[in-house]
Protein backbone atom coordinates (compact mmCIF):
# COMPACT_ATOMS: atom_id res chain seq x y z
CA UNK A 1 43.37 -48.02 38.99
CA UNK A 2 44.44 -44.40 39.70
CA UNK A 3 41.92 -42.29 41.51
CA UNK A 4 40.21 -39.69 39.29
CA UNK A 5 40.83 -36.11 40.29
CA UNK A 6 38.12 -33.49 40.25
CA UNK A 7 38.51 -31.01 37.33
CA UNK A 8 37.62 -28.24 39.77
CA UNK A 9 39.70 -28.42 42.91
CA UNK A 10 38.38 -26.72 46.00
CA UNK A 11 40.78 -23.80 45.68
CA UNK A 12 39.69 -23.24 42.00
CA UNK A 13 36.00 -23.69 42.77
CA UNK A 14 36.11 -20.79 45.14
CA UNK A 15 37.23 -18.53 42.27
CA UNK A 16 35.02 -20.11 39.57
CA UNK A 17 31.66 -19.78 41.36
CA UNK A 18 31.71 -15.94 41.75
CA UNK A 19 32.84 -15.53 38.10
CA UNK A 20 29.98 -17.73 36.90
CA UNK A 21 27.56 -15.73 39.01
CA UNK A 22 28.82 -12.47 37.49
CA UNK A 23 28.42 -13.83 33.95
CA UNK A 24 24.84 -14.86 34.68
CA UNK A 25 24.15 -11.44 36.17
CA UNK A 26 25.52 -9.67 33.09
CA UNK A 27 23.48 -12.01 30.92
CA UNK A 28 20.31 -11.00 32.74
CA UNK A 29 21.21 -7.32 32.43
CA UNK A 30 21.74 -7.56 28.67
CA UNK A 31 18.50 -9.51 28.32
CA UNK A 32 16.65 -6.66 30.03
CA UNK A 33 18.40 -4.12 27.76
CA UNK A 34 17.41 -6.03 24.61
CA UNK A 35 13.82 -6.42 25.82
CA UNK A 36 13.65 -2.71 26.67
CA UNK A 37 14.99 -1.70 23.24
CA UNK A 38 12.43 -3.93 21.55
CA UNK A 39 9.66 -2.45 23.67
CA UNK A 40 10.76 1.11 22.84
CA UNK A 41 10.70 0.28 19.14
CA UNK A 42 7.21 -1.19 19.39
CA UNK A 43 5.95 1.85 21.32
CA UNK A 44 7.49 4.27 18.80
CA UNK A 45 5.97 2.39 15.84
CA UNK A 46 2.57 2.22 17.55
CA UNK A 47 2.67 5.95 18.32
CA UNK A 48 3.53 6.69 14.69
CA UNK A 49 0.67 4.58 13.35
CA UNK A 50 -1.80 6.09 15.83
CA UNK A 51 -0.75 9.59 14.80
CA UNK A 52 -1.30 8.76 11.13
CA UNK A 53 -4.68 7.16 11.78
CA UNK A 54 -5.65 10.10 14.00
CA UNK A 55 -5.16 12.46 11.04
CA UNK A 56 -6.81 10.26 8.40
CA UNK A 57 -10.26 10.15 10.03
CA UNK A 58 -12.50 12.52 11.94
CA UNK A 59 -15.31 15.06 11.80
CA UNK A 60 -15.23 17.85 9.22
CA UNK A 61 -17.30 21.00 8.80
CA UNK A 62 -18.35 21.36 5.15
CA UNK A 63 -20.02 24.42 3.63
CA UNK A 64 -21.44 24.38 0.10
CA UNK A 65 -21.23 27.43 -2.11
CA UNK A 66 -24.51 26.37 -3.75
CA UNK A 67 -27.17 24.42 -1.87
CA UNK A 68 -27.67 21.07 -3.66
CA UNK A 69 -31.40 21.24 -2.89
CA UNK A 70 -31.68 24.39 -5.04
CA UNK A 71 -30.47 22.43 -8.09
CA UNK A 72 -33.31 19.91 -7.94
CA UNK A 73 -35.48 19.67 -11.08
CA UNK A 74 -39.21 18.99 -10.59
CA UNK A 75 -38.50 17.91 -7.04
CA UNK A 76 -35.90 15.34 -8.11
CA UNK A 77 -32.60 15.78 -6.20
CA UNK A 78 -29.42 16.01 -8.22
CA UNK A 79 -28.19 12.60 -7.07
CA UNK A 80 -31.13 11.05 -8.95
CA UNK A 81 -31.15 13.23 -12.06
CA UNK A 82 -30.54 12.00 -15.60
CA UNK A 83 -27.08 12.70 -17.11
CA UNK A 84 -28.64 15.16 -19.59
CA UNK A 85 -30.16 17.15 -16.73
CA UNK A 86 -26.85 17.14 -14.89
CA UNK A 87 -25.09 18.38 -18.03
CA UNK A 88 -27.65 21.19 -18.33
CA UNK A 89 -27.07 22.23 -14.70
CA UNK A 90 -23.32 22.25 -15.29
CA UNK A 91 -23.68 24.35 -18.45
CA UNK A 92 -25.89 26.91 -16.71
CA UNK A 93 -23.63 27.40 -13.69
CA UNK A 94 -20.10 27.45 -15.16
CA UNK A 95 -18.49 29.74 -17.69
CA UNK A 96 -18.64 28.91 -21.39
CA UNK A 97 -14.86 28.61 -21.53
CA UNK A 98 -14.76 26.06 -18.70
CA UNK A 99 -17.64 24.08 -20.21
CA UNK A 100 -15.87 23.91 -23.59
CA UNK A 101 -12.65 22.86 -21.85
CA UNK A 102 -14.44 20.00 -20.09
CA UNK A 103 -16.06 19.01 -23.38
CA UNK A 104 -12.65 18.92 -25.12
CA UNK A 105 -11.13 16.80 -22.34
CA UNK A 106 -13.88 14.22 -22.75
CA UNK A 107 -17.24 14.68 -24.51
CA UNK A 108 -20.16 14.57 -22.10
CA UNK A 109 -21.84 11.92 -24.24
CA UNK A 110 -18.93 9.60 -23.38
CA UNK A 111 -18.95 10.35 -19.65
CA UNK A 112 -20.80 8.17 -17.18
CA UNK A 113 -23.51 9.57 -14.94
CA UNK A 114 -21.16 9.34 -11.93
CA UNK A 115 -18.51 11.39 -13.73
CA UNK A 116 -20.95 14.16 -14.63
CA UNK A 117 -22.38 14.12 -11.10
CA UNK A 118 -18.89 14.56 -9.65
CA UNK A 119 -18.32 17.52 -11.99
CA UNK A 120 -21.56 19.13 -10.77
CA UNK A 121 -20.50 18.68 -7.16
CA UNK A 122 -16.98 19.98 -7.80
CA UNK A 123 -17.78 22.88 -10.16
CA UNK A 124 -21.28 23.96 -9.08
CA UNK A 125 -21.95 22.89 -5.49
CA UNK A 126 -18.29 23.49 -4.58
CA UNK A 127 -18.15 21.98 -1.08
CA UNK A 128 -15.37 23.38 1.05
CA UNK A 129 -13.95 21.95 4.27
CA UNK A 130 -13.91 24.80 6.78
CA UNK A 131 -12.53 22.81 9.69
CA UNK A 132 -11.37 19.27 10.39
CA UNK A 133 -10.94 17.51 13.71
CA UNK A 134 -8.68 14.51 14.40
CA UNK A 135 -10.08 11.08 15.16
CA UNK A 136 -9.44 11.07 18.91
CA UNK A 137 -11.13 14.47 19.39
CA UNK A 138 -14.04 13.26 17.25
CA UNK A 139 -14.47 10.16 19.42
CA UNK A 140 -13.77 11.48 22.92
CA UNK A 141 -14.68 15.19 22.61
CA UNK A 142 -17.69 14.89 20.35
CA UNK A 143 -19.85 17.42 22.23
CA UNK A 144 -17.08 20.04 22.23
CA UNK A 145 -16.52 19.47 18.50
CA UNK A 146 -20.20 20.05 17.68
CA UNK A 147 -20.34 23.07 19.99
CA UNK A 148 -17.32 24.64 18.31
CA UNK A 149 -18.76 23.91 14.86
CA UNK A 150 -22.15 25.42 15.78
CA UNK A 151 -20.47 28.57 17.07
CA UNK A 152 -17.93 29.17 14.29
CA UNK A 153 -19.59 27.50 11.29
CA UNK A 154 -23.38 27.71 11.78
CA UNK A 155 -24.09 27.05 8.09
CA UNK A 156 -21.76 24.07 7.81
CA UNK A 157 -22.71 20.42 7.76
CA UNK A 158 -20.81 18.27 10.28
CA UNK A 159 -19.99 14.81 8.94
CA UNK A 160 -17.60 12.07 9.97
CA UNK A 161 -15.16 11.67 7.11
CA UNK A 162 -12.59 9.09 6.16
CA UNK A 163 -9.97 10.74 3.99
CA UNK A 164 -8.96 7.28 2.78
CA UNK A 165 -11.75 6.34 0.35
CA UNK A 166 -12.02 4.53 -3.00
CA UNK A 167 -12.35 7.95 -4.66
CA UNK A 168 -9.10 9.05 -3.00
CA UNK A 169 -7.30 6.12 -4.63
CA UNK A 170 -8.91 6.47 -8.06
CA UNK A 171 -8.83 10.27 -8.44
CA UNK A 172 -5.84 12.28 -9.71
CA UNK A 173 -4.31 15.16 -7.80
CA UNK A 174 -6.31 18.36 -7.40
CA UNK A 175 -5.74 21.80 -5.94
CA UNK A 176 -8.88 21.31 -3.85
CA UNK A 177 -8.39 18.88 -0.96
CA UNK A 178 -12.02 17.74 -1.14
CA UNK A 179 -11.39 16.17 -4.57
CA UNK A 180 -7.67 15.31 -4.47
CA UNK A 181 -6.48 11.73 -4.98
CA UNK A 182 -3.34 9.67 -5.39
CA UNK A 183 -4.03 7.66 -8.54
CA UNK A 184 -1.28 9.40 -10.51
CA UNK A 185 1.21 9.02 -7.64
CA UNK A 186 0.43 5.30 -7.23
CA UNK A 187 0.96 4.63 -10.93
CA UNK A 188 4.17 6.68 -10.89
CA UNK A 189 5.49 4.68 -7.92
CA UNK A 190 4.65 1.36 -9.58
CA UNK A 191 6.33 2.36 -12.86
CA UNK A 192 9.41 3.62 -11.05
CA UNK A 193 9.82 0.56 -8.81
CA UNK A 194 9.27 -1.80 -11.76
CA UNK A 195 12.14 -0.17 -13.69
CA UNK A 196 14.28 -0.14 -10.53
CA UNK A 197 13.84 -3.88 -9.99
CA UNK A 198 14.37 -4.77 -13.66
CA UNK A 199 17.61 -2.77 -13.67
CA UNK A 200 19.10 -3.51 -10.23
CA UNK A 201 18.13 -7.14 -9.55
CA UNK A 202 19.82 -8.95 -12.48
CA UNK A 203 22.81 -6.60 -12.40
CA UNK A 204 23.27 -6.97 -8.65
CA UNK A 205 22.93 -10.75 -8.64
CA UNK A 206 25.27 -11.03 -11.63
CA UNK A 207 27.91 -8.91 -9.87
CA UNK A 208 27.56 -11.02 -6.71
CA UNK A 209 28.03 -14.24 -8.71
CA UNK A 210 31.19 -12.88 -10.35
CA UNK A 211 32.70 -11.65 -7.08
CA UNK A 212 31.98 -14.88 -5.20
CA UNK A 213 32.41 -17.57 -7.84
CA UNK A 214 34.76 -16.22 -10.50
CA UNK A 215 36.84 -13.35 -9.11
CA UNK A 216 40.06 -14.37 -7.46
CA UNK A 217 41.76 -12.79 -4.47
CA UNK A 218 43.49 -10.08 -6.50
CA UNK A 219 44.02 -6.44 -5.57
CA UNK A 220 41.66 -5.24 -8.29
CA UNK A 221 38.76 -7.35 -7.01
CA UNK A 222 39.48 -6.27 -3.43
CA UNK A 223 39.23 -2.62 -4.54
CA UNK A 224 35.89 -3.35 -6.21
CA UNK A 225 34.58 -5.07 -3.07
CA UNK A 226 35.68 -2.16 -0.86
CA UNK A 227 33.98 0.37 -3.11
CA UNK A 228 30.74 -1.62 -3.13
CA UNK A 229 30.73 -1.72 0.67
CA UNK A 230 31.33 2.03 0.80
CA UNK A 231 28.64 2.82 -1.78
CA UNK A 232 26.02 1.09 0.38
CA UNK A 233 26.41 3.91 2.92
CA UNK A 234 26.40 6.89 0.55
CA UNK A 235 23.50 9.34 1.22
CA UNK A 236 20.65 9.04 -1.24
CA UNK A 237 20.88 12.69 -2.33
CA UNK A 238 24.31 11.90 -3.85
CA UNK A 239 22.67 9.28 -6.06
CA UNK A 240 20.13 11.90 -7.07
CA UNK A 241 22.91 14.23 -8.22
CA UNK A 242 24.54 11.33 -10.06
CA UNK A 243 21.25 10.49 -11.76
CA UNK A 244 20.78 14.14 -12.73
CA UNK A 245 24.22 14.28 -14.35
CA UNK A 246 24.10 10.91 -16.13
CA UNK A 247 20.51 9.95 -16.89
CA UNK A 248 18.77 13.34 -17.09
CA UNK A 249 21.49 15.27 -18.91
CA UNK A 250 24.16 13.02 -20.45
CA UNK A 251 21.72 10.33 -21.61
CA UNK A 252 18.81 12.68 -22.27
CA UNK A 253 18.16 11.42 -25.85
CA UNK A 254 17.62 7.92 -24.43
CA UNK A 255 15.80 8.69 -21.18
CA UNK A 256 13.51 11.24 -22.84
CA UNK A 257 12.58 8.79 -25.60
CA UNK A 258 13.58 11.07 -28.48
CA UNK A 259 15.95 8.40 -29.89
CA UNK A 260 12.99 6.01 -30.14
CA UNK A 261 10.71 8.59 -31.73
CA UNK A 262 8.68 9.15 -28.58
CA UNK A 263 9.35 12.91 -28.75
CA UNK A 264 8.62 14.45 -32.14
CA UNK A 265 10.64 17.63 -31.57
CA UNK A 266 14.12 16.85 -30.20
CA UNK A 267 14.46 20.42 -28.90
CA UNK A 268 11.67 19.79 -26.40
CA UNK A 269 13.12 16.49 -25.14
CA UNK A 270 13.47 16.29 -21.38
CA UNK A 271 15.22 13.55 -19.46
CA UNK A 272 13.20 14.07 -16.28
CA UNK A 273 11.17 10.92 -16.83
CA UNK A 274 10.20 7.71 -15.08
CA UNK A 275 13.11 5.94 -16.77
CA UNK A 276 15.64 8.33 -15.23
CA UNK A 277 14.02 7.96 -11.81
CA UNK A 278 13.97 4.16 -12.00
CA UNK A 279 17.61 3.97 -13.08
CA UNK A 280 18.65 6.38 -10.32
CA UNK A 281 16.90 4.32 -7.65
CA UNK A 282 18.43 1.23 -9.24
CA UNK A 283 21.90 2.66 -8.62
CA UNK A 284 20.84 3.49 -5.07
CA UNK A 285 19.90 -0.07 -4.11
CA UNK A 286 22.46 -1.86 -6.31
CA UNK A 287 25.19 -2.07 -3.60
CA UNK A 288 22.64 -3.38 -1.08
CA UNK A 289 21.51 -6.14 -3.45
CA UNK A 290 25.12 -7.09 -4.29
CA UNK A 291 26.17 -7.37 -0.63
CA UNK A 292 23.11 -9.38 0.38
CA UNK A 293 23.42 -11.64 -2.67
CA UNK A 294 27.08 -12.26 -1.85
CA UNK A 295 26.19 -13.30 1.69
CA UNK A 296 23.46 -15.61 0.39
CA UNK A 297 25.80 -17.23 -2.17
CA UNK A 298 28.52 -17.58 0.47
CA UNK A 299 26.10 -19.43 2.75
CA UNK A 300 25.64 -22.26 0.23
CA UNK A 301 27.81 -25.18 1.47
CA UNK A 302 31.06 -25.70 -0.39
CA UNK A 303 30.42 -29.44 -0.38
CA UNK A 304 27.46 -28.89 -2.73
CA UNK A 305 29.77 -27.35 -5.31
CA UNK A 306 32.34 -30.10 -4.89
CA UNK A 307 29.70 -32.80 -5.35
CA UNK A 308 28.52 -31.13 -8.55
CA UNK A 309 32.07 -30.86 -9.90
CA UNK A 310 32.66 -34.51 -8.98
CA UNK A 311 29.74 -35.51 -11.20
CA UNK A 312 31.25 -33.67 -14.16
CA UNK A 313 29.22 -30.43 -14.10
CA UNK A 314 30.83 -27.25 -15.33
CA UNK A 315 31.19 -24.23 -13.08
CA UNK A 316 28.27 -22.43 -14.67
CA UNK A 317 26.06 -25.52 -14.46
CA UNK A 318 26.94 -25.79 -10.77
CA UNK A 319 26.08 -22.14 -10.18
CA UNK A 320 22.83 -22.23 -12.14
CA UNK A 321 21.42 -25.55 -10.89
CA UNK A 322 22.77 -25.68 -7.33
CA UNK A 323 24.25 -22.46 -5.98
CA UNK A 324 21.58 -19.99 -7.17
CA UNK A 325 18.56 -22.10 -6.08
CA UNK A 326 20.12 -22.51 -2.65
CA UNK A 327 20.94 -18.80 -2.35
CA UNK A 328 17.71 -17.48 -3.83
CA UNK A 329 15.77 -17.16 -0.52
CA UNK A 330 18.56 -15.02 0.92
CA UNK A 331 18.83 -12.99 -2.29
CA UNK A 332 15.10 -12.28 -2.25
CA UNK A 333 15.31 -11.23 1.40
CA UNK A 334 17.97 -8.66 0.54
CA UNK A 335 15.96 -7.49 -2.45
CA UNK A 336 12.89 -6.96 -0.25
CA UNK A 337 14.90 -4.69 2.04
CA UNK A 338 16.39 -2.79 -0.89
CA UNK A 339 13.05 -2.24 -2.63
CA UNK A 340 11.49 -1.15 0.66
CA UNK A 341 14.12 1.57 0.85
CA UNK A 342 13.67 2.60 -2.77
CA UNK A 343 9.89 2.94 -2.64
CA UNK A 344 10.12 5.45 0.21
CA UNK A 345 12.89 7.63 -1.22
CA UNK A 346 12.19 11.30 -1.89
CA UNK A 347 15.47 13.21 -2.14
CA UNK A 348 16.85 11.51 -5.30
CA UNK A 349 13.55 11.91 -7.11
CA UNK A 350 13.34 15.61 -6.26
CA UNK A 351 16.77 16.12 -7.81
CA UNK A 352 15.97 13.99 -10.86
CA UNK A 353 12.81 15.99 -11.50
CA UNK A 354 9.70 14.40 -10.02
CA UNK A 355 6.70 16.71 -10.39
CA UNK A 356 5.03 18.04 -7.26
CA UNK A 357 1.73 18.64 -9.08
CA UNK A 358 0.63 16.48 -11.99
CA UNK A 359 -2.89 15.44 -12.97
CA UNK A 360 -2.32 13.03 -15.89
CA UNK A 361 -1.40 9.37 -15.52
CA UNK A 362 2.00 8.11 -16.71
CA UNK A 363 1.65 5.87 -19.76
CA UNK A 364 5.21 4.64 -20.20
CA UNK A 365 8.83 4.93 -19.07
CA UNK A 366 9.24 8.27 -20.87
CA UNK A 367 6.38 10.03 -19.08
CA UNK A 368 6.61 12.81 -16.55
CA UNK A 369 5.81 11.48 -13.11
CA UNK A 370 5.29 11.88 -9.41
CA UNK A 371 5.39 9.27 -6.65
CA UNK A 372 3.65 8.71 -3.33
CA UNK A 373 6.56 10.02 -1.18
CA UNK A 374 6.77 13.15 -3.33
CA UNK A 375 3.00 13.60 -3.07
CA UNK A 376 3.10 13.21 0.71
CA UNK A 377 5.96 15.71 0.97
CA UNK A 378 4.09 18.23 -1.16
CA UNK A 379 0.89 17.93 0.87
CA UNK A 380 2.62 18.24 4.24
CA UNK A 381 4.22 21.50 3.11
CA UNK A 382 0.81 23.08 2.36
CA UNK A 383 -0.64 25.42 5.02
CA UNK A 384 -4.18 23.97 5.00
CA UNK A 385 -4.95 21.32 7.60
CA UNK A 386 -6.96 19.35 5.04
CA UNK A 387 -3.83 18.59 3.01
CA UNK A 388 -2.20 17.12 6.09
CA UNK A 389 -5.23 14.87 6.42
CA UNK A 390 -4.68 13.84 2.81
CA UNK A 391 -1.00 13.22 3.54
CA UNK A 392 -1.95 10.86 6.39
CA UNK A 393 -4.29 8.96 4.07
CA UNK A 394 -1.54 8.79 1.42
CA UNK A 395 0.87 7.38 4.02
CA UNK A 396 -1.60 4.57 4.70
CA UNK A 397 -1.78 3.88 0.95
CA UNK A 398 2.02 3.83 0.76
CA UNK A 399 2.23 1.41 3.69
CA UNK A 400 -0.39 -0.85 2.09
CA UNK A 401 1.49 -0.79 -1.24
CA UNK A 402 4.78 -1.56 0.50
CA UNK A 403 3.31 -4.41 2.56
CA UNK A 404 1.66 -5.88 -0.54
CA UNK A 405 4.90 -5.89 -2.51
CA UNK A 406 6.84 -7.30 0.44
CA UNK A 407 4.22 -10.02 1.00
CA UNK A 408 4.48 -11.09 -2.64
CA UNK A 409 8.28 -11.27 -2.35
CA UNK A 410 8.07 -13.21 0.93
CA UNK A 411 5.68 -15.73 -0.62
CA UNK A 412 8.06 -16.18 -3.54
CA UNK A 413 11.00 -16.61 -1.14
CA UNK A 414 9.13 -19.17 0.97
CA UNK A 415 8.20 -21.10 -2.15
CA UNK A 416 11.84 -21.52 -3.13
CA UNK A 417 12.79 -22.30 0.49
CA UNK A 418 10.32 -25.18 0.59
CA UNK A 419 11.50 -26.43 -2.78
CA UNK A 420 15.11 -26.50 -1.56
CA UNK A 421 14.04 -28.10 1.72
């Protein structure tokens, strides 16, 4: 039997060992680089969240234009008064025109006691934030904060305030930061994202199915694929201009609702509505959904298709019963990423016509609207510090809304993953 030779002779081993050592050394270097990049990302995200939280809580110095104690009736403080007494106080301290306006908006007989009490606080007591301090100063420099407040605002009441409250979520926007809320912006964001998903998801998945399962390797299909890849990198402001030209102006009778009788006078029709915004964001995320859906469909094993064809199934039956269920987790993952981008967009909505100040809730796809990113942008551009505190609280609401929507999509994705497993 011939003697086996070593695959690594001595003369080759002398060259192989240093090369192996260098590869291991480079591997350790790249591992350190990847760990460092991950650590930098975590630190940056933590710093961002701490900065937001620092602005959303802290001490504030509040001065009332009218002392609430002076409004007591028979020794009963206003927080315990009957709605009729609160209405009387409001009527005595505001102008007749303002009182009639409030009555027209909603009769006082139909208002709850809490609503009338809030009107008394807002219109009569008129609390005003004179100064706000961030959370870290409120916690670690408490004595200096109270000393500064006593020196500069001797008549003010110092209270620890959370700008993120239930009232902040349920109240509409206001010109006074003490009473401003994000209810209108939240509803506008939900309406817009709902239309975006209903428009982009079926269209994107349908395009991906055609390109992967039906389209052949022809020059026309290659041009389409190249354009889709390029459109995924187009700046969002370009989509805003496209939405302005197509949905706001060219399709104004449809997007304004005048074709459906939503607008009585066609001359006052305006295409700057939730429908235009949703369709514009749909165009923005459509290439992302198509590309991710294509990758998910491509990952389904070819043998699964062949087995289905071997049992006599048609191509559509194979796609519907085998390919799509197998690709759905990947499709939903891509959709999560696309929707996460859409919900935080500002530039396209500014071009399409999102309102920076609106106090009424949207009631349909043809309503005027604002969204949380637009609201945050508008507040951060105001000179008062209190509006920046409101912007920080609105950012927390936006993050909570985004995480909630993503969690729902992840649960749906995991459900289909387990079913396929």
